Amino acid sequence: MEYNTSKFMVMDNKDIRLKMLILKYDEHTLQLSKILNEITEKDLYRFDVYSKSVPWIVGGQVSFRFQIANVLGIEINPSTDQIFRTDGTQLYIEYPSLETFRKDWEIISPILKNEILELDNEELFTFSEEEPKMKGSFFDLLSFMIERERENIDALILWRGLLT
């Protein structure tokens, strides 16, 4: 996956906190792609029902980036949209292939990054209590997304060790 950070590098007027989040965003984008390339569909079925944990973690992460894009007004949904509208691993459904998640990840990552970079400091740091599901600033939401991605990637690294 080709992932270009050149636009970020020339944005000297951005807040240092946002720059740090974008660096982590780029790192997570590449790491998840690499992990997905290293796990085969055959590997997933070595542990029976627990193998659904990997697609659930990956799909949830991909879906979350799409949800953040929706908050920014981007009307785009993952190909697996309905699956991840519930809480928890769904044991009795057939999850899409990891390739499906990888394609969605490659679609949303540059789109969301470009939208984030277009935000000014007021849009990033204004505290809002109007949105019932989002109290805080958009920067707070991005920070949560980055931390959640880190936790998911760590879990996937552990799973990859078990699966391969």
N, C-alpha and C. Protein backbone atom coordinates (compact mmCIF):
# COMPACT_ATOMS: atom_id res chain seq x y z
N MET A 1 0.84 -1.18 0.00
CA MET A 1 0.00 0.00 0.00
C MET A 1 0.88 1.23 0.00
N GLU A 2 0.66 2.08 -0.94
CA GLU A 2 1.40 3.34 -1.04
C GLU A 2 0.73 4.35 -0.12
N TYR A 3 1.49 4.93 0.77
CA TYR A 3 0.91 5.90 1.71
C TYR A 3 1.83 7.09 1.78
N ASN A 4 1.32 8.24 1.39
CA ASN A 4 2.14 9.42 1.24
C ASN A 4 1.92 10.39 2.40
N THR A 5 2.98 10.81 3.03
CA THR A 5 2.88 11.77 4.13
C THR A 5 3.38 13.15 3.73
N SER A 6 3.65 13.38 2.46
CA SER A 6 4.25 14.64 2.05
C SER A 6 3.37 15.84 2.38
N LYS A 7 2.04 15.71 2.26
CA LYS A 7 1.15 16.82 2.58
C LYS A 7 1.32 17.23 4.04
N PHE A 8 1.45 16.26 4.92
CA PHE A 8 1.64 16.54 6.34
C PHE A 8 2.94 17.30 6.58
N MET A 9 3.98 16.89 5.90
CA MET A 9 5.30 17.46 6.15
C MET A 9 5.36 18.95 5.84
N VAL A 10 4.54 19.45 4.91
CA VAL A 10 4.59 20.87 4.56
C VAL A 10 3.60 21.71 5.34
N MET A 11 2.85 21.11 6.25
CA MET A 11 1.83 21.84 6.99
C MET A 11 2.41 22.38 8.29
N ASP A 12 3.24 23.38 8.18
CA ASP A 12 3.91 23.96 9.34
C ASP A 12 2.96 24.71 10.27
N ASN A 13 1.80 25.09 9.77
CA ASN A 13 0.88 25.87 10.59
C ASN A 13 0.00 25.01 11.49
N LYS A 14 0.19 23.70 11.49
CA LYS A 14 -0.64 22.82 12.32
C LYS A 14 -0.08 22.72 13.74
N ASP A 15 -0.98 22.53 14.66
CA ASP A 15 -0.65 22.36 16.07
C ASP A 15 0.24 21.13 16.24
N ILE A 16 1.21 21.21 17.12
CA ILE A 16 2.15 20.09 17.33
C ILE A 16 1.41 18.85 17.82
N ARG A 17 0.35 19.03 18.59
CA ARG A 17 -0.42 17.87 19.06
C ARG A 17 -1.06 17.12 17.90
N LEU A 18 -1.57 17.87 16.92
CA LEU A 18 -2.15 17.23 15.74
C LEU A 18 -1.06 16.55 14.92
N LYS A 19 0.08 17.17 14.81
CA LYS A 19 1.19 16.56 14.07
C LYS A 19 1.57 15.21 14.69
N MET A 20 1.59 15.16 16.01
CA MET A 20 1.93 13.90 16.69
C MET A 20 0.87 12.84 16.43
N LEU A 21 -0.39 13.23 16.45
CA LEU A 21 -1.46 12.27 16.16
C LEU A 21 -1.37 11.78 14.72
N ILE A 22 -1.04 12.66 13.81
CA ILE A 22 -0.93 12.26 12.40
C ILE A 22 0.23 11.29 12.21
N LEU A 23 1.33 11.52 12.92
CA LEU A 23 2.44 10.57 12.84
C LEU A 23 2.01 9.18 13.32
N LYS A 24 1.26 9.14 14.42
CA LYS A 24 0.75 7.86 14.92
C LYS A 24 -0.28 7.27 13.95
N TYR A 25 -1.11 8.11 13.38
CA TYR A 25 -2.11 7.67 12.40
C TYR A 25 -1.41 6.98 11.23
N ASP A 26 -0.37 7.63 10.71
CA ASP A 26 0.39 7.05 9.60
C ASP A 26 1.02 5.72 9.99
N GLU A 27 1.58 5.68 11.20
CA GLU A 27 2.21 4.45 11.69
C GLU A 27 1.17 3.32 11.78
N HIS A 28 0.02 3.62 12.33
CA HIS A 28 -1.03 2.60 12.48
C HIS A 28 -1.56 2.15 11.12
N THR A 29 -1.66 3.09 10.19
CA THR A 29 -2.13 2.74 8.85
C THR A 29 -1.21 1.70 8.23
N LEU A 30 0.07 1.93 8.33
CA LEU A 30 1.04 0.99 7.76
C LEU A 30 1.10 -0.32 8.53
N GLN A 31 1.05 -0.24 9.86
CA GLN A 31 1.13 -1.45 10.68
C GLN A 31 -0.04 -2.39 10.44
N LEU A 32 -1.25 -1.85 10.39
CA LEU A 32 -2.40 -2.72 10.18
C LEU A 32 -2.33 -3.37 8.79
N SER A 33 -1.92 -2.62 7.80
CA SER A 33 -1.77 -3.20 6.46
C SER A 33 -0.76 -4.34 6.47
N LYS A 34 0.35 -4.14 7.16
CA LYS A 34 1.38 -5.17 7.23
C LYS A 34 0.86 -6.42 7.95
N ILE A 35 0.16 -6.23 9.05
CA ILE A 35 -0.39 -7.36 9.79
C ILE A 35 -1.37 -8.14 8.91
N LEU A 36 -2.22 -7.42 8.19
CA LEU A 36 -3.20 -8.09 7.33
C LEU A 36 -2.53 -8.88 6.21
N ASN A 37 -1.40 -8.40 5.76
CA ASN A 37 -0.66 -9.12 4.71
C ASN A 37 0.02 -10.37 5.24
N GLU A 38 0.22 -10.45 6.56
CA GLU A 38 0.95 -11.57 7.15
C GLU A 38 0.05 -12.68 7.70
N ILE A 39 -1.25 -12.44 7.80
CA ILE A 39 -2.18 -13.46 8.30
C ILE A 39 -2.99 -13.98 7.12
N THR A 40 -3.00 -15.28 6.96
CA THR A 40 -3.78 -15.87 5.87
C THR A 40 -5.15 -16.30 6.39
N GLU A 41 -6.07 -16.48 5.47
CA GLU A 41 -7.41 -16.95 5.85
C GLU A 41 -7.31 -18.34 6.49
N LYS A 42 -6.37 -19.14 6.01
CA LYS A 42 -6.17 -20.48 6.57
C LYS A 42 -5.74 -20.40 8.04
N ASP A 43 -4.88 -19.44 8.35
CA ASP A 43 -4.43 -19.25 9.73
C ASP A 43 -5.59 -19.00 10.69
N LEU A 44 -6.61 -18.30 10.21
CA LEU A 44 -7.73 -17.92 11.08
C LEU A 44 -8.51 -19.10 11.62
N TYR A 45 -8.49 -20.21 10.91
CA TYR A 45 -9.33 -21.35 11.31
C TYR A 45 -8.59 -22.38 12.16
N ARG A 46 -7.40 -22.04 12.60
CA ARG A 46 -6.63 -22.95 13.44
C ARG A 46 -7.18 -23.04 14.85
N PHE A 47 -7.93 -22.03 15.30
CA PHE A 47 -8.44 -22.01 16.66
C PHE A 47 -9.96 -21.97 16.72
N ASP A 48 -10.63 -22.51 15.71
CA ASP A 48 -12.08 -22.65 15.67
C ASP A 48 -12.78 -21.32 15.93
N VAL A 49 -13.66 -21.25 16.90
CA VAL A 49 -14.51 -20.08 17.11
C VAL A 49 -13.70 -18.85 17.51
N TYR A 50 -12.58 -19.04 18.19
CA TYR A 50 -11.78 -17.89 18.60
C TYR A 50 -11.12 -17.18 17.42
N SER A 51 -11.10 -17.83 16.28
CA SER A 51 -10.52 -17.21 15.10
C SER A 51 -11.33 -16.01 14.66
N LYS A 52 -12.56 -15.91 15.12
CA LYS A 52 -13.39 -14.76 14.76
C LYS A 52 -12.92 -13.49 15.46
N SER A 53 -12.08 -13.62 16.45
CA SER A 53 -11.58 -12.44 17.15
C SER A 53 -10.77 -11.55 16.21
N VAL A 54 -9.98 -12.14 15.34
CA VAL A 54 -9.14 -11.34 14.44
C VAL A 54 -10.01 -10.52 13.48
N PRO A 55 -10.95 -11.12 12.75
CA PRO A 55 -11.78 -10.30 11.87
C PRO A 55 -12.61 -9.26 12.64
N TRP A 56 -13.03 -9.61 13.85
CA TRP A 56 -13.79 -8.66 14.65
C TRP A 56 -12.94 -7.46 15.04
N ILE A 57 -11.70 -7.69 15.47
CA ILE A 57 -10.80 -6.59 15.84
C ILE A 57 -10.50 -5.72 14.61
N VAL A 58 -10.14 -6.37 13.52
CA VAL A 58 -9.78 -5.64 12.29
C VAL A 58 -10.99 -4.87 11.77
N GLY A 59 -12.12 -5.56 11.66
CA GLY A 59 -13.32 -4.92 11.13
C GLY A 59 -13.80 -3.77 11.99
N GLY A 60 -13.70 -3.93 13.30
CA GLY A 60 -14.08 -2.85 14.20
C GLY A 60 -13.20 -1.63 14.02
N GLN A 61 -11.90 -1.87 13.81
CA GLN A 61 -10.98 -0.76 13.62
C GLN A 61 -11.25 -0.03 12.30
N VAL A 62 -11.45 -0.80 11.25
CA VAL A 62 -11.75 -0.21 9.95
C VAL A 62 -13.05 0.59 10.05
N SER A 63 -14.06 -0.01 10.66
CA SER A 63 -15.36 0.64 10.81
C SER A 63 -15.24 1.94 11.61
N PHE A 64 -14.39 1.95 12.62
CA PHE A 64 -14.24 3.16 13.44
C PHE A 64 -13.68 4.32 12.63
N ARG A 65 -12.73 4.06 11.74
CA ARG A 65 -12.22 5.14 10.90
C ARG A 65 -13.33 5.68 9.99
N PHE A 66 -14.17 4.81 9.49
CA PHE A 66 -15.29 5.27 8.67
C PHE A 66 -16.26 6.11 9.52
N GLN A 67 -16.49 5.71 10.75
CA GLN A 67 -17.39 6.47 11.63
C GLN A 67 -16.84 7.87 11.91
N ILE A 68 -15.54 7.97 12.11
CA ILE A 68 -14.92 9.29 12.32
C ILE A 68 -15.09 10.14 11.06
N ALA A 69 -14.90 9.53 9.90
CA ALA A 69 -15.11 10.25 8.65
C ALA A 69 -16.55 10.74 8.54
N ASN A 70 -17.50 9.92 8.96
CA ASN A 70 -18.91 10.33 8.95
C ASN A 70 -19.14 11.54 9.84
N VAL A 71 -18.48 11.58 11.00
CA VAL A 71 -18.59 12.73 11.90
C VAL A 71 -18.12 14.00 11.19
N LEU A 72 -17.12 13.86 10.33
CA LEU A 72 -16.59 15.00 9.57
C LEU A 72 -17.45 15.34 8.36
N GLY A 73 -18.52 14.59 8.15
CA GLY A 73 -19.42 14.88 7.03
C GLY A 73 -19.12 14.12 5.76
N ILE A 74 -18.21 13.17 5.83
CA ILE A 74 -17.89 12.36 4.65
C ILE A 74 -18.89 11.21 4.61
N GLU A 75 -19.69 11.18 3.58
CA GLU A 75 -20.72 10.14 3.45
C GLU A 75 -20.13 8.92 2.75
N ILE A 76 -19.45 8.10 3.53
CA ILE A 76 -18.83 6.89 3.01
C ILE A 76 -18.90 5.83 4.09
N ASN A 77 -19.22 4.62 3.70
CA ASN A 77 -19.34 3.52 4.65
C ASN A 77 -18.51 2.34 4.18
N PRO A 78 -18.03 1.54 5.13
CA PRO A 78 -17.27 0.34 4.74
C PRO A 78 -18.19 -0.69 4.09
N SER A 79 -17.61 -1.58 3.35
CA SER A 79 -18.41 -2.63 2.72
C SER A 79 -19.02 -3.56 3.75
N THR A 80 -18.52 -3.53 4.97
CA THR A 80 -18.99 -4.40 6.06
C THR A 80 -19.80 -3.62 7.09
N ASP A 81 -20.43 -2.55 6.68
CA ASP A 81 -21.05 -1.59 7.58
C ASP A 81 -21.98 -2.19 8.63
N GLN A 82 -22.89 -3.04 8.24
CA GLN A 82 -23.92 -3.54 9.17
C GLN A 82 -23.36 -4.48 10.25
N ILE A 83 -22.30 -5.17 9.96
CA ILE A 83 -21.75 -6.14 10.90
C ILE A 83 -21.28 -5.49 12.20
N PHE A 84 -20.71 -4.31 12.09
CA PHE A 84 -20.07 -3.69 13.25
C PHE A 84 -20.91 -2.62 13.92
N ARG A 85 -22.21 -2.71 13.73
CA ARG A 85 -23.13 -1.79 14.43
C ARG A 85 -23.61 -2.39 15.74
N THR A 86 -23.13 -3.58 16.09
CA THR A 86 -23.48 -4.21 17.36
C THR A 86 -22.22 -4.31 18.21
N ASP A 87 -22.41 -4.59 19.48
CA ASP A 87 -21.27 -4.72 20.39
C ASP A 87 -20.81 -6.16 20.46
N GLY A 88 -19.52 -6.35 20.47
CA GLY A 88 -18.95 -7.66 20.72
C GLY A 88 -18.80 -8.54 19.48
N THR A 89 -18.01 -9.57 19.65
CA THR A 89 -17.78 -10.53 18.59
C THR A 89 -19.07 -11.29 18.32
N GLN A 90 -19.42 -11.39 17.07
CA GLN A 90 -20.60 -12.16 16.69
C GLN A 90 -20.12 -13.54 16.25
N LEU A 91 -20.37 -14.53 17.08
CA LEU A 91 -19.80 -15.85 16.86
C LEU A 91 -20.46 -16.63 15.73
N TYR A 92 -21.69 -16.34 15.42
CA TYR A 92 -22.42 -17.20 14.49
C TYR A 92 -22.66 -16.55 13.13
N ILE A 93 -21.82 -15.61 12.77
CA ILE A 93 -21.92 -15.04 11.43
C ILE A 93 -20.62 -15.33 10.69
N GLU A 94 -20.69 -15.22 9.41
CA GLU A 94 -19.49 -15.39 8.58
C GLU A 94 -18.92 -13.99 8.32
N TYR A 95 -17.75 -13.75 8.88
CA TYR A 95 -17.11 -12.46 8.66
C TYR A 95 -16.53 -12.40 7.26
N PRO A 96 -16.45 -11.19 6.70
CA PRO A 96 -15.79 -11.05 5.38
C PRO A 96 -14.32 -11.42 5.48
N SER A 97 -13.70 -11.59 4.35
CA SER A 97 -12.28 -11.93 4.31
C SER A 97 -11.44 -10.75 4.81
N LEU A 98 -10.23 -11.06 5.25
CA LEU A 98 -9.31 -10.00 5.66
C LEU A 98 -8.99 -9.09 4.49
N GLU A 99 -9.02 -9.62 3.29
CA GLU A 99 -8.79 -8.82 2.08
C GLU A 99 -9.86 -7.73 1.95
N THR A 100 -11.09 -8.05 2.28
CA THR A 100 -12.17 -7.06 2.24
C THR A 100 -11.87 -5.92 3.21
N PHE A 101 -11.44 -6.27 4.42
CA PHE A 101 -11.10 -5.24 5.40
C PHE A 101 -9.90 -4.43 4.94
N ARG A 102 -8.91 -5.09 4.35
CA ARG A 102 -7.72 -4.37 3.87
C ARG A 102 -8.10 -3.34 2.81
N LYS A 103 -8.98 -3.73 1.89
CA LYS A 103 -9.41 -2.79 0.84
C LYS A 103 -10.13 -1.59 1.43
N ASP A 104 -11.03 -1.85 2.39
CA ASP A 104 -11.72 -0.73 3.05
C ASP A 104 -10.73 0.18 3.78
N TRP A 105 -9.74 -0.42 4.44
CA TRP A 105 -8.71 0.34 5.16
C TRP A 105 -7.95 1.24 4.20
N GLU A 106 -7.62 0.71 3.03
CA GLU A 106 -6.89 1.50 2.04
C GLU A 106 -7.74 2.61 1.45
N ILE A 107 -9.05 2.41 1.43
CA ILE A 107 -9.95 3.46 0.93
C ILE A 107 -10.07 4.59 1.94
N ILE A 108 -10.36 4.25 3.19
CA ILE A 108 -10.69 5.29 4.17
C ILE A 108 -9.46 6.03 4.71
N SER A 109 -8.33 5.37 4.83
CA SER A 109 -7.18 5.99 5.50
C SER A 109 -6.73 7.30 4.87
N PRO A 110 -6.49 7.37 3.55
CA PRO A 110 -6.06 8.67 3.00
C PRO A 110 -7.18 9.71 2.99
N ILE A 111 -8.42 9.28 2.82
CA ILE A 111 -9.55 10.22 2.82
C ILE A 111 -9.68 10.88 4.19
N LEU A 112 -9.67 10.06 5.24
CA LEU A 112 -9.81 10.60 6.59
C LEU A 112 -8.63 11.48 6.95
N LYS A 113 -7.44 11.05 6.62
CA LYS A 113 -6.25 11.86 6.94
C LYS A 113 -6.33 13.23 6.29
N ASN A 114 -6.70 13.28 5.02
CA ASN A 114 -6.81 14.57 4.33
C ASN A 114 -7.86 15.47 4.98
N GLU A 115 -8.98 14.89 5.39
CA GLU A 115 -10.01 15.68 6.06
C GLU A 115 -9.53 16.20 7.41
N ILE A 116 -8.81 15.38 8.14
CA ILE A 116 -8.27 15.82 9.43
C ILE A 116 -7.31 16.98 9.23
N LEU A 117 -6.47 16.88 8.22
CA LEU A 117 -5.49 17.93 7.97
C LEU A 117 -6.13 19.24 7.51
N GLU A 118 -7.34 19.16 7.01
CA GLU A 118 -8.05 20.37 6.58
C GLU A 118 -8.69 21.13 7.75
N LEU A 119 -8.79 20.49 8.90
CA LEU A 119 -9.41 21.14 10.06
C LEU A 119 -8.51 22.24 10.61
N ASP A 120 -9.14 23.33 11.01
CA ASP A 120 -8.35 24.38 11.67
C ASP A 120 -8.41 24.15 13.19
N ASN A 121 -7.64 24.94 13.92
CA ASN A 121 -7.55 24.74 15.37
C ASN A 121 -8.90 24.91 16.07
N GLU A 122 -9.72 25.82 15.58
CA GLU A 122 -11.04 26.00 16.20
C GLU A 122 -11.87 24.74 16.05
N GLU A 123 -11.87 24.14 14.87
CA GLU A 123 -12.62 22.91 14.64
C GLU A 123 -12.06 21.76 15.47
N LEU A 124 -10.77 21.75 15.67
CA LEU A 124 -10.13 20.67 16.42
C LEU A 124 -10.35 20.78 17.92
N PHE A 125 -10.24 21.97 18.45
CA PHE A 125 -10.14 22.13 19.90
C PHE A 125 -11.36 22.77 20.59
N THR A 126 -12.40 23.09 19.83
CA THR A 126 -13.61 23.64 20.46
C THR A 126 -14.34 22.52 21.17
N PHE A 127 -14.64 22.75 22.43
CA PHE A 127 -15.34 21.75 23.25
C PHE A 127 -16.82 21.81 22.93
N SER A 128 -17.41 20.66 22.72
CA SER A 128 -18.82 20.59 22.36
C SER A 128 -19.57 19.66 23.30
N GLU A 129 -20.71 20.14 23.77
CA GLU A 129 -21.60 19.28 24.53
C GLU A 129 -22.91 19.07 23.78
N GLU A 130 -22.99 19.60 22.57
CA GLU A 130 -24.23 19.52 21.79
C GLU A 130 -24.47 18.12 21.23
N GLU A 131 -23.43 17.47 20.79
CA GLU A 131 -23.56 16.11 20.26
C GLU A 131 -23.76 15.14 21.40
N PRO A 132 -24.87 14.42 21.44
CA PRO A 132 -25.11 13.51 22.58
C PRO A 132 -24.09 12.38 22.67
N LYS A 133 -23.53 11.95 21.57
CA LYS A 133 -22.58 10.84 21.59
C LYS A 133 -21.13 11.31 21.70
N MET A 134 -20.91 12.62 21.58
CA MET A 134 -19.53 13.10 21.56
C MET A 134 -19.42 14.37 22.40
N LYS A 135 -19.00 14.21 23.63
CA LYS A 135 -18.75 15.37 24.48
C LYS A 135 -17.25 15.56 24.55
N GLY A 136 -16.82 16.73 24.20
CA GLY A 136 -15.40 17.03 24.15
C GLY A 136 -15.07 17.64 22.81
N SER A 137 -13.80 17.76 22.53
CA SER A 137 -13.38 18.33 21.26
C SER A 137 -13.15 17.21 20.24
N PHE A 138 -13.07 17.61 18.99
CA PHE A 138 -12.78 16.62 17.96
C PHE A 138 -11.38 16.05 18.16
N PHE A 139 -10.49 16.87 18.68
CA PHE A 139 -9.14 16.39 18.99
C PHE A 139 -9.20 15.27 20.02
N ASP A 140 -10.09 15.40 21.01
CA ASP A 140 -10.27 14.34 22.01
C ASP A 140 -10.70 13.04 21.33
N LEU A 141 -11.61 13.14 20.38
CA LEU A 141 -12.07 11.97 19.66
C LEU A 141 -10.93 11.34 18.86
N LEU A 142 -10.14 12.17 18.20
CA LEU A 142 -8.99 11.65 17.45
C LEU A 142 -7.98 10.97 18.37
N SER A 143 -7.76 11.57 19.53
CA SER A 143 -6.83 10.97 20.50
C SER A 143 -7.33 9.61 20.94
N PHE A 144 -8.63 9.50 21.19
CA PHE A 144 -9.22 8.21 21.56
C PHE A 144 -9.05 7.20 20.43
N MET A 145 -9.29 7.64 19.20
CA MET A 145 -9.15 6.75 18.05
C MET A 145 -7.73 6.19 17.96
N ILE A 146 -6.74 7.06 18.14
CA ILE A 146 -5.34 6.65 18.04
C ILE A 146 -5.00 5.65 19.14
N GLU A 147 -5.46 5.89 20.36
CA GLU A 147 -5.19 4.96 21.46
C GLU A 147 -5.88 3.62 21.22
N ARG A 148 -7.09 3.67 20.73
CA ARG A 148 -7.83 2.43 20.43
C ARG A 148 -7.12 1.64 19.33
N GLU A 149 -6.64 2.34 18.32
CA GLU A 149 -5.90 1.67 17.26
C GLU A 149 -4.65 0.98 17.81
N ARG A 150 -3.95 1.67 18.70
CA ARG A 150 -2.74 1.08 19.28
C ARG A 150 -3.09 -0.22 20.03
N GLU A 151 -4.15 -0.19 20.80
CA GLU A 151 -4.56 -1.38 21.54
C GLU A 151 -4.95 -2.51 20.58
N ASN A 152 -5.67 -2.18 19.53
CA ASN A 152 -6.08 -3.19 18.56
C ASN A 152 -4.88 -3.79 17.83
N ILE A 153 -3.94 -2.95 17.46
CA ILE A 153 -2.74 -3.44 16.77
C ILE A 153 -1.94 -4.34 17.70
N ASP A 154 -1.83 -3.96 18.97
CA ASP A 154 -1.13 -4.83 19.93
C ASP A 154 -1.82 -6.19 20.04
N ALA A 155 -3.15 -6.18 20.11
CA ALA A 155 -3.89 -7.45 20.18
C ALA A 155 -3.68 -8.28 18.91
N LEU A 156 -3.67 -7.63 17.77
CA LEU A 156 -3.47 -8.35 16.50
C LEU A 156 -2.06 -8.93 16.40
N ILE A 157 -1.09 -8.22 16.94
CA ILE A 157 0.28 -8.74 16.95
C ILE A 157 0.33 -10.02 17.79
N LEU A 158 -0.36 -10.01 18.93
CA LEU A 158 -0.40 -11.23 19.76
C LEU A 158 -1.12 -12.36 19.02
N TRP A 159 -2.25 -12.06 18.39
CA TRP A 159 -2.96 -13.08 17.62
C TRP A 159 -2.11 -13.62 16.48
N ARG A 160 -1.41 -12.71 15.80
CA ARG A 160 -0.56 -13.15 14.68
C ARG A 160 0.49 -14.13 15.17
N GLY A 161 1.03 -13.88 16.35
CA GLY A 161 1.99 -14.81 16.93
C GLY A 161 1.40 -16.17 17.19
N LEU A 162 0.14 -16.22 17.60
CA LEU A 162 -0.53 -17.50 17.83
C LEU A 162 -0.92 -18.19 16.53
N LEU A 163 -1.28 -17.40 15.54
CA LEU A 163 -1.82 -17.96 14.31
C LEU A 163 -0.74 -18.43 13.32
N THR A 164 0.40 -17.79 13.35
CA THR A 164 1.42 -18.13 12.34
C THR A 164 2.55 -18.95 12.92
